[in-house]
Structure formats: C-alpha cells, structure tokens
Amino acid sequence: MSSTRADYIREGTVPVPDGRVWFRVVGGGAAVPLLTLHGGPGGGHDYLEPLEGLSSDRPVVFYDQLGCGRSEQPPDRSLWRMEHFVAEIGAVRQALGLERIHLLGHSWGGWLAVEYMTRRPPGVAGLVLASTSASLPEFVREAARLKTELPPQIRDTLARYEREGQMHHPTYEAAVLEFYKRHLCRLDPWPDPFLRTLKNIEGNAVYETMNGPNEFTVTGNLKDWDRTADLGTITAPTLITVGRYDELTPTCASTLHRGIHGSVVHQFEHSSHTSHLEEPDEYVRVVRAFLDRVERG
C-alpha cells in the first residue's frame, strides 16, 4: 500500500468468516485509503469501478462480499445475515492492514456501513453514504410511492402479478425493468460495469435471502432493519449522496442527514440510484473534495 503510482493495482483473496473474498486495490497515494462496500446484497464491486477515479491520491479498495462475484459462494443460506457482513468488514480491514480508512457504502453497502458505524469501529476518518437509507421500512414506503407515479399500464401489471405471487413471470419482470430505467440507472444503454453487477444478482442466494425478488419487494431478513434511532452514534464526518430520481429517495437522504450530526448532503440532479455511473466526473469531484476536507481537519 506504499506505492505512489496512481496505476498501482493489487488483487488477491483474504480470509473472512466462513470463506475467502476477492479484493482489488487501485492506486497508491499517501492519502487515507477508501474502502468501498457494494450494493445488492450480492451485487459485487463491478458497478463501482468509476470510483477508481479517486485513486490518483489514495488507494481505493474494492472487494466482492462473500457469496457473490469473484469471492467464494458457500451454499449455506444461514450465513446471509447482517451480522456476517459486519464481521466481514473487520476481517478485510485486518487482512489488508487498513487501520485508518474512509468508508463508502452504496445502497445495501450503505445499510451495512450504517450498521458497522453504529458499533463505533476505530480508525474511520470519514464516511460516504451513497444512495441509501437509515431503514428498510422507509425505503419500502418510498419505493411504493414511486410505483404510484409509473404509467397506469405498468402500475397495473406490477400489482396484478404481485397479487398472484408471480414475480418471476416475464411480463412482470418487463414491468419491473421500466421502474429500473427510471430509478435505478437512467443511462441508455446501461454501461458494462452495471450489467456485470446485474448478472451477479441474477439468481443470487444472498440477494434472495436478504432482500427478495427485486429492488422494491423486500421479503428477506432485512425487511425490518431500522437504525434511524441510532444514527446519533455516528460521529465520523459524513457525506450523504443521492440522485434526484433515486429509488432510495432524497427523503431517505434527509432522514440520514437529520440523524447524523454535522453530515452534509449532495444531490445529483441528473441521476437516479447510480450517480457514480450517471454523473461520474461530478461524483468523483464531490467525493474527492469531501475526503480532502476531512483530511485537512
């Protein structure tokens, strides 16, 4: 981690509870490393690749959480709980010698980051909560509201197949895609890193166990997760990012902002859930400025 070359790349695997996970470190500057937590759960790091733009002055660390991507995928579904992935962060930090970090969590990775930070881990200089929320019930309410704004035909199709419990029917999945085009990623066509992440999630046991059949139908073991009342325990300087059209809406960002003292919010006006893909240059600029401010004290 001592190289000063921005193009420094190190890859490998490290042990975590119940398996090994794949990691990639990009960049080797002297600034505090940025550890990233991807979404899903089960999405893998691929769609976060634009964050490599931050590697000119600091190491940026990606890893695929256990159960997805290039990491081991044990068949035991009892592993797929919040507690496992919180412990995994600590194991990755220890294995890679990441005593002092900035932490960035996107979507599910943001829920994971919130849970981790409420446990007061040492050595976290700054926190970026990207397109996420303080609770699943709030997200589900906001997603339901966004569904009411869909065209009537799409809305009726979703309601019909949800009543019938046929959420893998091709007609239903086509209607879900219309929601995704509005609130998940508004680029056309979808970029390759995003497509790779969608492929990781397809049929993924972690996603199905913890989340459910799709982005806005949460039936898994995360459905009651809520840390709204505990946000005040987060003391690290915090940047909250959100897209104007985000499925994890500006309302969700406001809840985080109210709960985390001194936090700041940046809304990306031309983005949905993947601002780092939809407005990559501006996203990197905003996050870099925040990390630099934190390090200047």
Foldseek 3Di string as FASTA:
>chain_A
DQDLDQADKDWDWFDFPPFIKIKMKGAHAPAQEEEEAEDQLQLACLLVVLLSVLRNHHIYMGINPEQWDPTDRDPDLVCLDLVRVLRRVVRVCVRVVRQAHAYEYAAVGLCSVLVNLLVPDPRHQEYERALYFQALVVLLVLLVVVLVVDPPVLSVLCVVCVVVVNCVDPSVVVSVVVLCCQAVWVDVPDDPSNVSSVVSNVVGSSNCAQARDDDNHGDHPRNGRGCLVSLCSRAHAYEYEAECRHSSHVVRVVSSPVSHPNYYYDYHDQTHRSCCVRVVVVVSVVVSVVSVVSVVD
